[in-house]
PDB file of N, CA and C in Angstrom:
ATOM      1  N   UNK A   1     121.146  82.018  83.937  1.00  0.00           N
ATOM      2  CA  UNK A   1     120.694  82.981  84.922  1.00  0.00           C
ATOM      3  C   UNK A   1     119.172  83.065  84.852  1.00  0.00           C
ATOM      4  N   UNK A   2     118.544  82.849  85.981  1.00  0.00           N
ATOM      5  CA  UNK A   2     117.091  82.904  86.045  1.00  0.00           C
ATOM      6  C   UNK A   2     116.648  84.325  86.360  1.00  0.00           C
ATOM      7  N   UNK A   3     115.372  84.591  86.105  1.00  0.00           N
ATOM      8  CA  UNK A   3     114.861  85.912  86.406  1.00  0.00           C
ATOM      9  C   UNK A   3     113.455  85.822  86.976  1.00  0.00           C
ATOM     10  N   UNK A   4     113.052  86.911  87.602  1.00  0.00           N
ATOM     11  CA  UNK A   4     111.738  87.001  88.232  1.00  0.00           C
ATOM     12  C   UNK A   4     110.884  88.061  87.542  1.00  0.00           C
ATOM     13  N   UNK A   5     111.130  88.279  86.269  1.00  0.00           N
ATOM     14  CA  UNK A   5     110.395  89.328  85.562  1.00  0.00           C
ATOM     15  C   UNK A   5     108.903  89.054  85.569  1.00  0.00           C
ATOM     16  N   UNK A   6     108.520  87.819  85.340  1.00  0.00           N
ATOM     17  CA  UNK A   6     107.095  87.478  85.318  1.00  0.00           C
ATOM     18  C   UNK A   6     106.443  87.799  86.668  1.00  0.00           C
ATOM     19  N   UNK A   7     107.152  87.527  87.754  1.00  0.00           N
ATOM     20  CA  UNK A   7     106.641  87.808  89.096  1.00  0.00           C
ATOM     21  C   UNK A   7     106.465  89.312  89.292  1.00  0.00           C
ATOM     22  N   UNK A   8     107.506  90.080  88.962  1.00  0.00           N
ATOM     23  CA  UNK A   8     107.421  91.531  89.127  1.00  0.00           C
ATOM     24  C   UNK A   8     106.378  92.129  88.189  1.00  0.00           C
ATOM     25  N   UNK A   9     106.253  91.574  87.016  1.00  0.00           N
ATOM     26  CA  UNK A   9     105.251  92.043  86.052  1.00  0.00           C
ATOM     27  C   UNK A   9     103.848  91.846  86.626  1.00  0.00           C
ATOM     28  N   UNK A  10     103.618  90.679  87.233  1.00  0.00           N
ATOM     29  CA  UNK A  10     102.317  90.386  87.849  1.00  0.00           C
ATOM     30  C   UNK A  10     102.055  91.309  89.042  1.00  0.00           C
ATOM     31  N   UNK A  11     103.085  91.558  89.831  1.00  0.00           N
ATOM     32  CA  UNK A  11     102.939  92.443  90.994  1.00  0.00           C
ATOM     33  C   UNK A  11     102.535  93.853  90.578  1.00  0.00           C
ATOM     34  N   UNK A  12     102.976  94.267  89.397  1.00  0.00           N
ATOM     35  CA  UNK A  12     102.672  95.610  88.897  1.00  0.00           C
ATOM     36  C   UNK A  12     101.512  95.596  87.896  1.00  0.00           C
ATOM     37  N   UNK A  13     100.871  94.442  87.764  1.00  0.00           N
ATOM     38  CA  UNK A  13      99.701  94.293  86.900  1.00  0.00           C
ATOM     39  C   UNK A  13      99.996  94.762  85.466  1.00  0.00           C
ATOM     40  N   UNK A  14     101.126  94.275  84.923  1.00  0.00           N
ATOM     41  CA  UNK A  14     101.526  94.624  83.563  1.00  0.00           C
ATOM     42  C   UNK A  14     101.463  93.400  82.658  1.00  0.00           C
ATOM     43  N   UNK A  15     100.992  93.592  81.450  1.00  0.00           N
ATOM     44  CA  UNK A  15     101.062  92.522  80.460  1.00  0.00           C
ATOM     45  C   UNK A  15     102.447  92.534  79.844  1.00  0.00           C
ATOM     46  N   UNK A  16     102.770  91.484  79.109  1.00  0.00           N
ATOM     47  CA  UNK A  16     104.056  91.461  78.410  1.00  0.00           C
ATOM     48  C   UNK A  16     104.146  92.628  77.437  1.00  0.00           C
ATOM     49  N   UNK A  17     103.055  92.917  76.768  1.00  0.00           N
ATOM     50  CA  UNK A  17     103.020  94.025  75.807  1.00  0.00           C
ATOM     51  C   UNK A  17     103.263  95.366  76.493  1.00  0.00           C
ATOM     52  N   UNK A  18     102.621  95.583  77.633  1.00  0.00           N
ATOM     53  CA  UNK A  18     102.798  96.845  78.358  1.00  0.00           C
ATOM     54  C   UNK A  18     104.231  97.002  78.849  1.00  0.00           C
ATOM     55  N   UNK A  19     104.807  95.922  79.359  1.00  0.00           N
ATOM     56  CA  UNK A  19     106.199  95.981  79.816  1.00  0.00           C
ATOM     57  C   UNK A  19     107.125  96.266  78.638  1.00  0.00           C
ATOM     58  N   UNK A  20     106.882  95.605  77.533  1.00  0.00           N
ATOM     59  CA  UNK A  20     107.705  95.818  76.336  1.00  0.00           C
ATOM     60  C   UNK A  20     107.667  97.283  75.908  1.00  0.00           C
ATOM     61  N   UNK A  21     106.484  97.881  75.933  1.00  0.00           N
ATOM     62  CA  UNK A  21     106.352  99.296  75.553  1.00  0.00           C
ATOM     63  C   UNK A  21     107.133 100.196  76.502  1.00  0.00           C
ATOM     64  N   UNK A  22     107.041  99.927  77.803  1.00  0.00           N
ATOM     65  CA  UNK A  22     107.755 100.746  78.786  1.00  0.00           C
ATOM     66  C   UNK A  22     109.268 100.637  78.635  1.00  0.00           C
ATOM     67  N   UNK A  23     109.733  99.474  78.178  1.00  0.00           N
ATOM     68  CA  UNK A  23     111.171  99.243  78.038  1.00  0.00           C
ATOM     69  C   UNK A  23     111.674  99.502  76.625  1.00  0.00           C
ATOM     70  N   UNK A  24     110.747  99.822  75.722  1.00  0.00           N
ATOM     71  CA  UNK A  24     111.082 100.082  74.321  1.00  0.00           C
ATOM     72  C   UNK A  24     111.738  98.864  73.656  1.00  0.00           C
ATOM     73  N   UNK A  25     111.135  97.695  73.912  1.00  0.00           N
ATOM     74  CA  UNK A  25     111.567  96.450  73.269  1.00  0.00           C
ATOM     75  C   UNK A  25     110.324  95.756  72.730  1.00  0.00           C
ATOM     76  N   UNK A  26     110.501  94.669  72.005  1.00  0.00           N
ATOM     77  CA  UNK A  26     109.356  93.936  71.473  1.00  0.00           C
ATOM     78  C   UNK A  26     108.791  92.981  72.526  1.00  0.00           C
ATOM     79  N   UNK A  27     107.551  92.599  72.337  1.00  0.00           N
ATOM     80  CA  UNK A  27     106.938  91.606  73.224  1.00  0.00           C
ATOM     81  C   UNK A  27     107.704  90.295  73.129  1.00  0.00           C
ATOM     82  N   UNK A  28     108.212  89.972  71.952  1.00  0.00           N
ATOM     83  CA  UNK A  28     108.990  88.749  71.766  1.00  0.00           C
ATOM     84  C   UNK A  28     110.244  88.759  72.636  1.00  0.00           C
ATOM     85  N   UNK A  29     110.828  89.931  72.814  1.00  0.00           N
ATOM     86  CA  UNK A  29     112.001  90.049  73.687  1.00  0.00           C
ATOM     87  C   UNK A  29     111.626  89.721  75.127  1.00  0.00           C
ATOM     88  N   UNK A  30     110.493  90.239  75.580  1.00  0.00           N
ATOM     89  CA  UNK A  30     110.034  89.959  76.943  1.00  0.00           C
ATOM     90  C   UNK A  30     109.768  88.460  77.108  1.00  0.00           C
ATOM     91  N   UNK A  31     109.117  87.857  76.123  1.00  0.00           N
ATOM     92  CA  UNK A  31     108.841  86.420  76.166  1.00  0.00           C
ATOM     93  C   UNK A  31     110.146  85.635  76.268  1.00  0.00           C
ATOM     94  N   UNK A  32     111.131  86.005  75.450  1.00  0.00           N
ATOM     95  CA  UNK A  32     112.417  85.295  75.441  1.00  0.00           C
ATOM     96  C   UNK A  32     113.158  85.457  76.768  1.00  0.00           C
ATOM     97  N   UNK A  33     113.112  86.651  77.354  1.00  0.00           N
ATOM     98  CA  UNK A  33     113.777  86.874  78.643  1.00  0.00           C
ATOM     99  C   UNK A  33     113.075  86.072  79.734  1.00  0.00           C
ATOM    100  N   UNK A  34     111.747  86.140  79.766  1.00  0.00           N
ATOM    101  CA  UNK A  34     110.988  85.417  80.798  1.00  0.00           C
ATOM    102  C   UNK A  34     111.207  83.909  80.730  1.00  0.00           C
ATOM    103  N   UNK A  35     111.386  83.394  79.526  1.00  0.00           N
ATOM    104  CA  UNK A  35     111.573  81.948  79.376  1.00  0.00           C
ATOM    105  C   UNK A  35     113.051  81.548  79.416  1.00  0.00           C
ATOM    106  N   UNK A  36     113.906  82.508  79.795  1.00  0.00           N
ATOM    107  CA  UNK A  36     115.347  82.276  79.923  1.00  0.00           C
ATOM    108  C   UNK A  36     116.014  81.834  78.619  1.00  0.00           C
ATOM    109  N   UNK A  37     115.462  82.259  77.488  1.00  0.00           N
ATOM    110  CA  UNK A  37     116.076  81.968  76.192  1.00  0.00           C
ATOM    111  C   UNK A  37     116.962  83.127  75.727  1.00  0.00           C
ATOM    112  N   UNK A  38     116.859  84.253  76.423  1.00  0.00           N
ATOM    113  CA  UNK A  38     117.621  85.442  76.033  1.00  0.00           C
ATOM    114  C   UNK A  38     118.057  86.163  77.298  1.00  0.00           C
ATOM    115  N   UNK A  39     119.326  86.475  77.387  1.00  0.00           N
ATOM    116  CA  UNK A  39     119.867  87.230  78.509  1.00  0.00           C
ATOM    117  C   UNK A  39     119.969  88.692  78.078  1.00  0.00           C
ATOM    118  N   UNK A  40     119.254  89.582  78.743  1.00  0.00           N
ATOM    119  CA  UNK A  40     119.270  90.984  78.321  1.00  0.00           C
ATOM    120  C   UNK A  40     120.629  91.635  78.538  1.00  0.00           C
ATOM    121  N   UNK A  41     120.854  92.700  77.805  1.00  0.00           N
ATOM    122  CA  UNK A  41     122.076  93.477  77.995  1.00  0.00           C
ATOM    123  C   UNK A  41     122.058  94.067  79.403  1.00  0.00           C
ATOM    124  N   UNK A  42     123.207  94.478  79.863  1.00  0.00           N
ATOM    125  CA  UNK A  42     123.307  95.080  81.184  1.00  0.00           C
ATOM    126  C   UNK A  42     122.426  96.328  81.267  1.00  0.00           C
ATOM    127  N   UNK A  43     122.431  97.105  80.211  1.00  0.00           N
ATOM    128  CA  UNK A  43     121.605  98.312  80.172  1.00  0.00           C
ATOM    129  C   UNK A  43     120.128  97.997  80.316  1.00  0.00           C
ATOM    130  N   UNK A  44     119.653  96.985  79.595  1.00  0.00           N
ATOM    131  CA  UNK A  44     118.248  96.592  79.670  1.00  0.00           C
ATOM    132  C   UNK A  44     117.936  95.998  81.044  1.00  0.00           C
ATOM    133  N   UNK A  45     118.858  95.245  81.607  1.00  0.00           N
ATOM    134  CA  UNK A  45     118.658  94.667  82.938  1.00  0.00           C
ATOM    135  C   UNK A  45     118.463  95.766  83.982  1.00  0.00           C
ATOM    136  N   UNK A  46     119.284  96.825  83.902  1.00  0.00           N
ATOM    137  CA  UNK A  46     119.145  97.940  84.836  1.00  0.00           C
ATOM    138  C   UNK A  46     117.850  98.706  84.590  1.00  0.00           C
ATOM    139  N   UNK A  47     117.450  98.812  83.332  1.00  0.00           N
ATOM    140  CA  UNK A  47     116.205  99.491  82.984  1.00  0.00           C
ATOM    141  C   UNK A  47     115.014  98.742  83.588  1.00  0.00           C
ATOM    142  N   UNK A  48     115.052  97.420  83.515  1.00  0.00           N
ATOM    143  CA  UNK A  48     113.993  96.584  84.088  1.00  0.00           C
ATOM    144  C   UNK A  48     113.954  96.778  85.607  1.00  0.00           C
ATOM    145  N   UNK A  49     115.113  96.700  86.253  1.00  0.00           N
ATOM    146  CA  UNK A  49     115.179  96.856  87.708  1.00  0.00           C
ATOM    147  C   UNK A  49     114.683  98.241  88.127  1.00  0.00           C
ATOM    148  N   UNK A  50     115.103  99.266  87.402  1.00  0.00           N
ATOM    149  CA  UNK A  50     114.674 100.625  87.735  1.00  0.00           C
ATOM    150  C   UNK A  50     113.170 100.785  87.581  1.00  0.00           C
ATOM    151  N   UNK A  51     112.607 100.176  86.565  1.00  0.00           N
ATOM    152  CA  UNK A  51     111.166 100.255  86.339  1.00  0.00           C
ATOM    153  C   UNK A  51     110.406  99.670  87.527  1.00  0.00           C
ATOM    154  N   UNK A  52     110.891  98.555  88.053  1.00  0.00           N
ATOM    155  CA  UNK A  52     110.231  97.904  89.183  1.00  0.00           C
ATOM    156  C   UNK A  52     110.718  98.438  90.532  1.00  0.00           C
ATOM    157  N   UNK A  53     111.658  99.379  90.502  1.00  0.00           N
ATOM    158  CA  UNK A  53     112.211 100.003  91.707  1.00  0.00           C
ATOM    159  C   UNK A  53     112.847  98.978  92.657  1.00  0.00           C
ATOM    160  N   UNK A  54     113.633  98.090  92.061  1.00  0.00           N
ATOM    161  CA  UNK A  54     114.365  97.076  92.824  1.00  0.00           C
ATOM    162  C   UNK A  54     115.800  97.007  92.306  1.00  0.00           C
ATOM    163  N   UNK A  55     116.633  96.243  92.998  1.00  0.00           N
ATOM    164  CA  UNK A  55     118.006  96.037  92.542  1.00  0.00           C
ATOM    165  C   UNK A  55     118.025  94.992  91.430  1.00  0.00           C
ATOM    166  N   UNK A  56     119.017  95.063  90.573  1.00  0.00           N
ATOM    167  CA  UNK A  56     119.161  94.084  89.493  1.00  0.00           C
ATOM    168  C   UNK A  56     119.208  92.678  90.067  1.00  0.00           C
ATOM    169  N   UNK A  57     119.878  92.514  91.203  1.00  0.00           N
ATOM    170  CA  UNK A  57     120.005  91.198  91.846  1.00  0.00           C
ATOM    171  C   UNK A  57     118.657  90.635  92.278  1.00  0.00           C
ATOM    172  N   UNK A  58     117.675  91.506  92.495  1.00  0.00           N
ATOM    173  CA  UNK A  58     116.340  91.049  92.881  1.00  0.00           C
ATOM    174  C   UNK A  58     115.580  90.490  91.696  1.00  0.00           C
ATOM    175  N   UNK A  59     115.914  90.941  90.503  1.00  0.00           N
ATOM    176  CA  UNK A  59     115.226  90.495  89.283  1.00  0.00           C
ATOM    177  C   UNK A  59     115.943  89.293  88.661  1.00  0.00           C
ATOM    178  N   UNK A  60     117.259  89.384  88.609  1.00  0.00           N
ATOM    179  CA  UNK A  60     118.052  88.338  87.958  1.00  0.00           C
ATOM    180  C   UNK A  60     118.853  87.585  89.012  1.00  0.00           C
ATOM    181  N   UNK A  61     118.596  86.302  89.124  1.00  0.00           N
ATOM    182  CA  UNK A  61     119.265  85.496  90.144  1.00  0.00           C
ATOM    183  C   UNK A  61     120.126  84.441  89.474  1.00  0.00           C
ATOM    184  N   UNK A  62     121.318  84.283  89.989  1.00  0.00           N
ATOM    185  CA  UNK A  62     122.227  83.271  89.454  1.00  0.00           C
ATOM    186  C   UNK A  62     121.883  81.948  90.106  1.00  0.00           C
ATOM    187  N   UNK A  63     121.366  81.036  89.322  1.00  0.00           N
ATOM    188  CA  UNK A  63     120.975  79.743  89.867  1.00  0.00           C
ATOM    189  C   UNK A  63     120.790  78.727  88.767  1.00  0.00           C
ATOM    190  N   UNK A  64     120.616  77.492  89.148  1.00  0.00           N
ATOM    191  CA  UNK A  64     120.456  76.412  88.173  1.00  0.00           C
ATOM    192  C   UNK A  64     119.045  76.312  87.687  1.00  0.00           C
TER     193      UNK A  64
END
């Protein structure tokens, strides 16, 4: 599952560190999610979507 976190992060002018702080996770977690090495829990996925004020489907896309 691919994601657009890096895109939304750039749109909101957030660094990985700032996003990690807002989500109460480590910067390493953000790096792993952005590079598709880690799939966040459903709770974290909704937290990310809510932070960017979009639907989960807008952030996480099912694709190759």
